Amino acid sequence: MNLLFEQLEKSKQNKELLNFTVYNDDSKFWCGYVVDYSEDFVAIQHFTKFGKKDGIIVHPIERFERIDFNDDYVKAMECVIDYSDEIYKPNPINFVFLHEESYYESVLKQLKGNKNVITSFEISNDEYYSGYILEVSETDFIINCVGKNGEDLGMSIFKIEDITSVQLDDVDNRRRNILFKWLKAKL
């Protein structure tokens, strides 16, 4: 048995996640475990990036450029699958908009120091940043930036006047939050 079929069998027997990448198509990759396979095809129990089962994909083995396993993405997906129900539970957030402050300043101040809610900001209509709000003044704020797979990207300062949109506690940010905490616990 060659190494590829050994890995497919291991995934099938133990429900170990694999990440499948298709030749010449960066948008086609699937994460899941093998349900069954033959010499020519593999059936994959696919999971969404939020850890929910998303059907079975049957695909020719020869069309895969590579199959990754035991890498950072697969490990992160194992965490996401384990906590997928949590990702869909919104955090309770109660806002009171103070008239003496701008809308965004009011939102920022109420989220300052909250390590359960990651907020995404659109800055100047074209760049997006996500993270925990650490400090807020009348003119600017500091966030601990968090990458889409929970990576700690360090701290950044932004001007409040440059905010064009705020999104908080959506499913993408709850996924980031869980992965951030998981990565910090591993260190």
Protein backbone atom coordinates (compact mmCIF):
# COMPACT_ATOMS: atom_id res chain seq x y z
CA MET A 1 0.00 0.00 0.00
CA ASN A 2 1.45 3.40 -0.95
CA LEU A 3 1.64 6.34 1.46
CA LEU A 4 -1.41 8.09 -0.02
CA PHE A 5 -3.67 5.09 0.51
CA GLU A 6 -2.21 4.52 3.99
CA GLN A 7 -3.21 8.08 4.93
CA LEU A 8 -6.68 7.71 3.39
CA GLU A 9 -7.21 4.47 5.31
CA LYS A 10 -6.01 6.06 8.55
CA SER A 11 -8.44 8.95 8.04
CA LYS A 12 -11.28 6.53 7.30
CA GLN A 13 -10.61 4.30 10.32
CA ASN A 14 -9.97 7.08 12.85
CA LYS A 15 -12.00 9.94 11.35
CA GLU A 16 -8.80 11.98 11.15
CA LEU A 17 -9.14 15.26 9.30
CA LEU A 18 -7.34 15.85 6.04
CA ASN A 19 -7.15 18.99 3.94
CA PHE A 20 -7.58 18.28 0.21
CA THR A 21 -6.28 20.79 -2.36
CA VAL A 22 -7.30 20.51 -6.04
CA TYR A 23 -4.85 21.17 -8.90
CA ASN A 24 -5.01 24.64 -10.50
CA ASP A 25 -7.87 25.91 -8.33
CA ASP A 26 -6.91 27.79 -5.17
CA SER A 27 -10.57 28.19 -4.25
CA LYS A 28 -11.17 24.41 -4.16
CA PHE A 29 -9.96 22.81 -1.02
CA TRP A 30 -11.89 20.73 1.44
CA CYS A 31 -11.34 19.73 5.02
CA GLY A 32 -12.83 16.50 6.26
CA TYR A 33 -12.30 12.83 6.89
CA VAL A 34 -12.47 9.95 4.45
CA VAL A 35 -15.77 8.07 4.33
CA ASP A 36 -14.53 5.64 1.67
CA TYR A 37 -12.12 5.45 -1.24
CA SER A 38 -11.11 3.34 -4.21
CA GLU A 39 -8.09 3.34 -6.52
CA ASP A 40 -9.59 6.32 -8.37
CA PHE A 41 -12.02 8.21 -6.09
CA VAL A 42 -12.35 9.39 -2.53
CA ALA A 43 -15.52 10.26 -0.61
CA ILE A 44 -14.93 13.01 1.97
CA GLN A 45 -17.18 14.03 4.87
CA HIS A 46 -16.71 17.76 4.36
CA PHE A 47 -16.90 20.37 7.15
CA THR A 48 -17.58 24.08 6.78
CA LYS A 49 -15.04 26.55 8.15
CA PHE A 50 -17.40 26.85 11.13
CA GLY A 51 -17.10 23.15 11.99
CA LYS A 52 -20.45 21.87 10.74
CA LYS A 53 -20.87 18.84 8.49
CA ASP A 54 -21.48 20.00 4.93
CA GLY A 55 -22.24 16.89 2.95
CA ILE A 56 -20.06 14.29 1.30
CA ILE A 57 -17.82 15.17 -1.62
CA VAL A 58 -16.77 12.48 -4.11
CA HIS A 59 -13.74 13.50 -6.14
CA PRO A 60 -11.10 11.82 -8.35
CA ILE A 61 -7.90 11.21 -6.39
CA GLU A 62 -5.73 12.19 -9.36
CA ARG A 63 -7.18 15.73 -9.27
CA PHE A 64 -5.70 16.48 -5.83
CA GLU A 65 -2.48 18.45 -5.90
CA ARG A 66 -1.82 17.53 -2.31
CA ILE A 67 -3.46 16.26 0.86
CA ASP A 68 -2.35 17.91 4.10
CA PHE A 69 -2.65 16.40 7.54
CA ASN A 70 -1.55 17.22 11.05
CA ASP A 71 -0.80 20.83 10.05
CA ASP A 72 -1.91 24.06 11.75
CA TYR A 73 -5.08 24.40 9.66
CA VAL A 74 -6.22 20.83 10.31
CA LYS A 75 -5.52 21.25 14.03
CA ALA A 76 -7.49 24.51 14.05
CA MET A 77 -10.37 22.78 12.28
CA GLU A 78 -10.38 20.03 14.93
CA CYS A 79 -10.88 22.77 17.53
CA VAL A 80 -13.57 24.48 15.44
CA ILE A 81 -15.47 21.19 15.03
CA ASP A 82 -15.27 20.53 18.78
CA TYR A 83 -16.65 24.01 19.53
CA SER A 84 -18.94 24.45 16.52
CA ASP A 85 -22.05 24.81 18.69
CA GLU A 86 -20.36 27.64 20.63
CA ILE A 87 -19.56 29.45 17.37
CA TYR A 88 -23.28 29.78 16.71
CA LYS A 89 -24.15 31.12 20.18
CA PRO A 90 -24.14 34.93 20.18
CA ASN A 91 -22.73 36.76 23.17
CA PRO A 92 -25.20 39.00 24.98
CA ILE A 93 -24.40 42.60 24.06
CA ASN A 94 -26.46 45.54 25.30
CA PHE A 95 -25.64 48.93 23.87
CA VAL A 96 -26.59 52.31 25.21
CA PHE A 97 -25.74 55.08 22.77
CA LEU A 98 -24.63 58.17 24.57
CA HIS A 99 -25.61 61.38 22.75
CA GLU A 100 -22.49 63.27 23.81
CA GLU A 101 -20.26 60.73 22.00
CA SER A 102 -20.07 59.69 18.37
CA TYR A 103 -21.74 56.41 17.50
CA TYR A 104 -18.45 54.60 16.94
CA GLU A 105 -16.82 56.05 20.04
CA SER A 106 -19.81 54.88 22.09
CA VAL A 107 -19.59 51.34 20.65
CA LEU A 108 -15.83 51.17 21.22
CA LYS A 109 -16.02 52.31 24.82
CA GLN A 110 -18.68 49.74 25.63
CA LEU A 111 -16.58 46.93 24.13
CA LYS A 112 -13.28 48.04 25.67
CA GLY A 113 -11.65 45.20 27.59
CA ASN A 114 -14.26 42.61 26.57
CA LYS A 115 -12.27 39.43 25.82
CA ASN A 116 -15.39 37.53 24.73
CA VAL A 117 -16.22 39.70 21.73
CA ILE A 118 -14.04 40.26 18.67
CA THR A 119 -15.01 43.29 16.61
CA SER A 120 -14.28 43.83 12.90
CA PHE A 121 -13.69 47.31 11.54
CA GLU A 122 -13.80 48.59 8.02
CA ILE A 123 -11.28 51.39 7.81
CA SER A 124 -11.54 54.04 5.05
CA ASN A 125 -13.95 51.91 2.99
CA ASP A 126 -11.37 49.30 1.97
CA GLU A 127 -9.42 47.57 4.74
CA TYR A 128 -10.79 45.24 7.41
CA TYR A 129 -9.26 44.55 10.83
CA SER A 130 -10.55 42.35 13.63
CA GLY A 131 -9.64 42.08 17.28
CA TYR A 132 -10.24 42.94 20.91
CA ILE A 133 -10.62 46.59 21.85
CA LEU A 134 -7.99 47.47 24.45
CA GLU A 135 -8.02 51.28 24.76
CA VAL A 136 -10.28 54.09 23.54
CA SER A 137 -9.85 57.87 23.53
CA GLU A 138 -12.00 60.56 21.93
CA THR A 139 -9.98 60.33 18.71
CA ASP A 140 -8.43 56.88 18.43
CA PHE A 141 -8.41 53.32 19.73
CA ILE A 142 -6.09 50.33 20.13
CA ILE A 143 -7.04 46.79 19.19
CA ASN A 144 -5.25 43.51 19.65
CA CYS A 145 -5.61 42.29 16.04
CA VAL A 146 -6.66 38.67 15.52
CA GLY A 147 -6.25 36.77 12.23
CA LYS A 148 -8.95 34.65 10.65
CA ASN A 149 -7.51 31.48 12.20
CA GLY A 150 -7.07 33.01 15.65
CA GLU A 151 -3.49 34.22 15.19
CA ASP A 152 -2.37 37.04 17.47
CA LEU A 153 -1.35 39.74 14.98
CA GLY A 154 -0.25 42.27 17.60
CA MET A 155 -1.66 45.66 18.43
CA SER A 156 -2.67 48.53 16.16
CA ILE A 157 -3.92 52.08 16.65
CA PHE A 158 -6.65 53.50 14.41
CA LYS A 159 -8.39 56.86 14.26
CA ILE A 160 -12.10 56.67 15.09
CA GLU A 161 -12.87 59.04 12.21
CA ASP A 162 -11.50 56.45 9.74
CA ILE A 163 -14.07 53.80 10.72
CA THR A 164 -16.62 53.23 7.97
CA SER A 165 -18.30 50.14 9.43
CA VAL A 166 -18.28 47.99 12.58
CA GLN A 167 -19.31 44.36 12.84
CA LEU A 168 -19.22 42.48 16.10
CA ASP A 169 -19.94 39.04 17.45
CA ASP A 170 -20.77 37.58 14.03
CA VAL A 171 -20.04 33.92 13.35
CA ASP A 172 -16.63 34.69 11.74
CA ASN A 173 -15.56 36.66 14.81
CA ARG A 174 -16.84 34.03 17.24
CA ARG A 175 -14.75 31.46 15.30
CA ARG A 176 -11.71 33.78 15.60
CA ASN A 177 -12.35 34.20 19.32
CA ILE A 178 -12.46 30.45 19.97
CA LEU A 179 -9.31 29.83 17.92
CA PHE A 180 -7.47 32.74 19.59
CA LYS A 181 -8.23 31.37 23.04
CA TRP A 182 -7.33 27.82 21.94
CA LEU A 183 -3.98 28.96 20.53
CA LYS A 184 -3.19 30.95 23.69
CA ALA A 185 -4.02 27.91 25.86
CA LYS A 186 -1.62 25.75 23.81
CA LEU A 187 1.36 28.02 24.39
